[in-house]
C-alpha atoms as a PDB file:
ATOM      1  CA  MET A   1     -13.961  -9.875 -18.620  1.00  0.00           C
ATOM      2  CA  LYS A   2     -14.004  -9.843 -14.835  1.00  0.00           C
ATOM      3  CA  THR A   3     -10.620  -9.301 -13.181  1.00  0.00           C
ATOM      4  CA  LYS A   4      -9.437 -12.068 -10.880  1.00  0.00           C
ATOM      5  CA  PHE A   5      -7.946 -10.988  -7.568  1.00  0.00           C
ATOM      6  CA  THR A   6      -6.462 -12.942  -4.697  1.00  0.00           C
ATOM      7  CA  LYS A   7      -9.347 -14.475  -2.769  1.00  0.00           C
ATOM      8  CA  GLY A   8      -9.888 -14.147   0.930  1.00  0.00           C
ATOM      9  CA  GLU A   9      -9.221 -11.645   3.643  1.00  0.00           C
ATOM     10  CA  TRP A  10      -5.941  -9.760   3.547  1.00  0.00           C
ATOM     11  CA  SER A  11      -4.430  -8.664   6.837  1.00  0.00           C
ATOM     12  CA  VAL A  12      -1.517  -6.602   8.107  1.00  0.00           C
ATOM     13  CA  SER A  13       0.809  -7.690  10.858  1.00  0.00           C
ATOM     14  CA  VAL A  14       3.313  -5.262  12.358  1.00  0.00           C
ATOM     15  CA  GLU A  15       6.353  -7.107  13.659  1.00  0.00           C
ATOM     16  CA  SER A  16       9.369  -5.245  15.046  1.00  0.00           C
ATOM     17  CA  GLY A  17       7.980  -2.040  13.570  1.00  0.00           C
ATOM     18  CA  SER A  18       7.697  -3.475  10.053  1.00  0.00           C
ATOM     19  CA  ALA A  19       4.312  -4.200   8.489  1.00  0.00           C
ATOM     20  CA  LYS A  20       3.686  -7.272   6.361  1.00  0.00           C
ATOM     21  CA  VAL A  21       0.616  -8.034   4.277  1.00  0.00           C
ATOM     22  CA  TYR A  22      -0.715 -11.582   4.508  1.00  0.00           C
ATOM     23  CA  TYR A  23      -3.432 -13.308   2.547  1.00  0.00           C
ATOM     24  CA  PRO A  24      -4.908 -16.798   3.005  1.00  0.00           C
ATOM     25  CA  HIS A  25      -2.332 -18.391   0.716  1.00  0.00           C
ATOM     26  CA  GLY A  26       0.756 -16.787   2.223  1.00  0.00           C
ATOM     27  CA  PHE A  27       2.786 -13.640   2.546  1.00  0.00           C
ATOM     28  CA  LEU A  28       2.456 -10.796   0.033  1.00  0.00           C
ATOM     29  CA  THR A  29       5.155  -8.266   0.885  1.00  0.00           C
ATOM     30  CA  SER A  30       6.841  -6.427   3.697  1.00  0.00           C
ATOM     31  CA  ALA A  31       6.960  -2.721   4.277  1.00  0.00           C
ATOM     32  CA  ASN A  32      10.729  -2.205   4.206  1.00  0.00           C
ATOM     33  CA  VAL A  33      10.786  -1.017   0.623  1.00  0.00           C
ATOM     34  CA  ILE A  34      11.739   2.679   0.839  1.00  0.00           C
ATOM     35  CA  LYS A  35      15.468   3.115   0.346  1.00  0.00           C
ATOM     36  CA  ILE A  36      17.360   5.311   2.819  1.00  0.00           C
ATOM     37  CA  ASP A  37      20.808   6.730   2.099  1.00  0.00           C
ATOM     38  CA  GLU A  38      22.919   5.293   4.892  1.00  0.00           C
ATOM     39  CA  SER A  39      26.295   6.286   3.510  1.00  0.00           C
ATOM     40  CA  ARG A  40      28.650   7.628   6.146  1.00  0.00           C
ATOM     41  CA  LEU A  41      29.967  11.148   6.091  1.00  0.00           C
ATOM     42  CA  ASP A  42      33.729  11.749   6.271  1.00  0.00           C
ATOM     43  CA  GLY A  43      34.936  10.751   9.745  1.00  0.00           C
ATOM     44  CA  GLU A  44      31.478   9.526  10.808  1.00  0.00           C
ATOM     45  CA  SER A  45      31.197   6.199  12.597  1.00  0.00           C
ATOM     46  CA  TRP A  46      28.557   3.634  11.737  1.00  0.00           C
ATOM     47  CA  LEU A  47      26.727   4.399  15.012  1.00  0.00           C
ATOM     48  CA  GLU A  48      26.795   8.133  14.321  1.00  0.00           C
ATOM     49  CA  MET A  49      25.392   7.539  10.830  1.00  0.00           C
ATOM     50  CA  ARG A  50      22.614   5.359  12.249  1.00  0.00           C
ATOM     51  CA  LYS A  51      21.704   8.027  14.794  1.00  0.00           C
ATOM     52  CA  ARG A  52      21.745  10.746  12.098  1.00  0.00           C
ATOM     53  CA  THR A  53      19.550   8.728   9.725  1.00  0.00           C
ATOM     54  CA  ASP A  54      17.096   7.453  12.387  1.00  0.00           C
ATOM     55  CA  PRO A  55      14.440  10.091  11.545  1.00  0.00           C
ATOM     56  CA  ALA A  56      14.579   9.239   7.820  1.00  0.00           C
ATOM     57  CA  ARG A  57      14.349   5.499   8.559  1.00  0.00           C
ATOM     58  CA  GLU A  58      11.423   6.033  10.939  1.00  0.00           C
ATOM     59  CA  ALA A  59       9.595   8.203   8.366  1.00  0.00           C
ATOM     60  CA  ALA A  60      10.190   5.595   5.651  1.00  0.00           C
ATOM     61  CA  MET A  61       8.928   2.837   7.956  1.00  0.00           C
ATOM     62  CA  ALA A  62       5.776   4.839   8.785  1.00  0.00           C
ATOM     63  CA  GLU A  63       5.104   5.482   5.078  1.00  0.00           C
ATOM     64  CA  SER A  64       5.727   1.844   4.179  1.00  0.00           C
ATOM     65  CA  ASN A  65       3.467   0.611   6.986  1.00  0.00           C
ATOM     66  CA  ALA A  66       0.704   2.966   5.811  1.00  0.00           C
ATOM     67  CA  ASN A  67       1.114   1.547   2.297  1.00  0.00           C
ATOM     68  CA  MET A  68       0.760  -2.014   3.629  1.00  0.00           C
ATOM     69  CA  HIS A  69      -2.491  -1.084   5.396  1.00  0.00           C
ATOM     70  CA  LEU A  70      -3.790   0.479   2.181  1.00  0.00           C
ATOM     71  CA  ILE A  71      -2.835  -2.615   0.178  1.00  0.00           C
ATOM     72  CA  SER A  72      -4.556  -4.885   2.688  1.00  0.00           C
ATOM     73  CA  CYS A  73      -7.901  -3.100   2.289  1.00  0.00           C
ATOM     74  CA  ALA A  74      -7.679  -2.834  -1.523  1.00  0.00           C
ATOM     75  CA  PRO A  75      -9.976  -5.844  -2.194  1.00  0.00           C
ATOM     76  CA  GLU A  76     -12.730  -4.390  -0.002  1.00  0.00           C
ATOM     77  CA  MET A  77     -12.333  -0.944  -1.553  1.00  0.00           C
ATOM     78  CA  TYR A  78     -12.540  -2.489  -5.022  1.00  0.00           C
ATOM     79  CA  ASP A  79     -15.738  -4.352  -4.099  1.00  0.00           C
ATOM     80  CA  ILE A  80     -17.306  -1.151  -2.745  1.00  0.00           C
ATOM     81  CA  LEU A  81     -16.407   0.854  -5.853  1.00  0.00           C
ATOM     82  CA  ASP A  82     -17.551  -1.960  -8.117  1.00  0.00           C
ATOM     83  CA  SER A  83     -20.944  -2.060  -6.385  1.00  0.00           C
ATOM     84  CA  ILE A  84     -21.215   1.745  -6.674  1.00  0.00           C
ATOM     85  CA  GLU A  85     -20.374   1.506 -10.388  1.00  0.00           C
ATOM     86  CA  ASN A  86     -23.171  -1.039 -10.841  1.00  0.00           C
ATOM     87  CA  ASP A  87     -25.646   1.400  -9.224  1.00  0.00           C
ATOM     88  CA  ASN A  88     -24.509   4.592 -10.950  1.00  0.00           C
ATOM     89  CA  ASN A  89     -27.815   6.421 -10.464  1.00  0.00           C
ATOM     90  CA  GLN A  90     -26.754   7.272  -6.911  1.00  0.00           C
ATOM     91  CA  VAL A  91     -23.323   8.733  -7.767  1.00  0.00           C
ATOM     92  CA  PRO A  92     -22.692  12.412  -8.511  1.00  0.00           C
ATOM     93  CA  GLU A  93     -21.076  12.964 -11.933  1.00  0.00           C
ATOM     94  CA  PHE A  94     -17.794  14.296 -10.522  1.00  0.00           C
ATOM     95  CA  LEU A  95     -17.350  11.060  -8.515  1.00  0.00           C
ATOM     96  CA  TRP A  96     -18.568   8.801 -11.310  1.00  0.00           C
ATOM     97  CA  GLU A  97     -15.576   9.603 -13.523  1.00  0.00           C
ATOM     98  CA  LYS A  98     -13.113   9.114 -10.652  1.00  0.00           C
ATOM     99  CA  ILE A  99     -14.678   5.773  -9.709  1.00  0.00           C
ATOM    100  CA  GLN A 100     -14.565   4.573 -13.320  1.00  0.00           C
ATOM    101  CA  SER A 101     -10.915   5.655 -13.623  1.00  0.00           C
ATOM    102  CA  VAL A 102      -9.736   3.926 -10.448  1.00  0.00           C
ATOM    103  CA  LEU A 103     -11.617   0.721 -11.311  1.00  0.00           C
ATOM    104  CA  ALA A 104     -10.062   0.699 -14.806  1.00  0.00           C
ATOM    105  CA  LYS A 105      -6.644   1.086 -13.190  1.00  0.00           C
ATOM    106  CA  ALA A 106      -7.351  -1.796 -10.787  1.00  0.00           C
ATOM    107  CA  ARG A 107      -8.457  -3.961 -13.703  1.00  0.00           C
ATOM    108  CA  GLY A 108      -5.260  -3.189 -15.607  1.00  0.00           C
ATOM    109  CA  GLU A 109      -7.143  -1.283 -18.309  1.00  0.00           C
ATOM    110  CA  GLU A 110      -5.161   1.921 -17.745  1.00  0.00           C
ATOM    111  CA  CYS A 111      -1.985   2.742 -15.867  1.00  0.00           C
END
């Protein structure tokens, strides 16, 4: 059974520092998914907390944006690996097993 994926080109748009993945039928997800502890320390103002946690928020945003770019190219990567799998004579054995494993994961055959 061939796995059905969302058709069309996926793209990433970075707006106000936050990446979003779009596909022809709409909006997939945004990158603001990594939780940051923004609880205030004793005697700390909200502004002081924001300044203290800026590096963690920026790192989380960078990681989330990188994830969105990876998600957006997943259909093309799947197609490339699928075509390599169909022409397995050209793939070294150590890569063959990795390709088969990642394709099975993409197809929902293993988690």
